[in-house]
Amino acid sequence: MAPSKRDRDESRRRYAEHLRRQEEQAAARRRRTRLLAVVGAVAALALVVAAVLTAVLGSDDDVPAAAPAPTPSASATTAAPDADNPCPVPATGAVTDPPQFDAAPEPGSSSATTAVIATSCGDVTVELLPDAAPQAVASFAFLAEQDYFSGTPCHRLVTSGIFVLQCGDPTATGQGGPGYSFGPVENAPADDVYPAGTLAMARVGGDGESNGSQFFLVFEESSIPSDAAGGYTVFGRVTEGLDVVQTIAEGGTAADGVAPARPISIEGVTTQ
């Protein structure tokens, strides 16, 4: 017997319902696909940001585990200067066994307000901030008195995103330090902006107690986001010689993408 009109209508209704469910399922799959793509893009962006910050501020245990991720830098004696380099090649390179100290000096134990960082490319004069950063200034002055920085290369240059030259690790690996660490963070900018000429401590990401000997000089205003430990201890500002750092920065990075192509070493630091 031929299907009745009622049967045909019911069949069409069920078929339409089947198509509707199929479309809903397809739309749900499309939404899941878009969501996964967005999540993947956000995760990739987070990894890129983390890599940039890690490559920047390292620390003594680092990477900036007082210094960013521990990527070895080229020895100051291995990279020849480019043809336009106005600075001489440093006579010394990395130190394999730097002196170690049992404990950090007491905060406020130094009243030094000025430091001269003599480098292979010229002097950098800095106003120190013992009132705002008593721990960092005490440590920096102590290490200077011990000649800890003498003959050591500045091992990391960052010229994209943030603009810093990092020094203070005699081993030039981003992982060296004086045998002690200190914290917490002092005198970090509330807006995360570090003006050109800022002298600040490098440290391990997320660890405000990991300050040691590594520091960085900002040669162009930089926004460096705070992490769980806060920002970075600002303990001085350059008053003369920022052009020395800028000259090094103009040469870019070496083949390893970390060390400056124009090698520079600290010949000594005096404070008063």
Foldseek 3Di string as FASTA:
>chain_A
DDDDPVVVVVVVVVVVVVVVVVVVVVVVVVVVVVVVVVVVVVVVVVVVLLQLLLLAFQLQQTGPLLNHHFAAFDWQQPFAAPPPQPFHRDPATADPDAAADAEQDDFQPDPWQWKWFQKSQGIWIKGFASPQGRRVVSRQQVCQVVQRQARAWQQFADDPQFGKTKGFARRSRSNHFRNYWADAATDQDPQQKDAQFWKWTGRRALDRRGTGGMIIGGHHIHRNDAHNSGHTHTTIGTPDDSVSVVSQPVQAPDPVNTGGSNIMGGNGMHTD
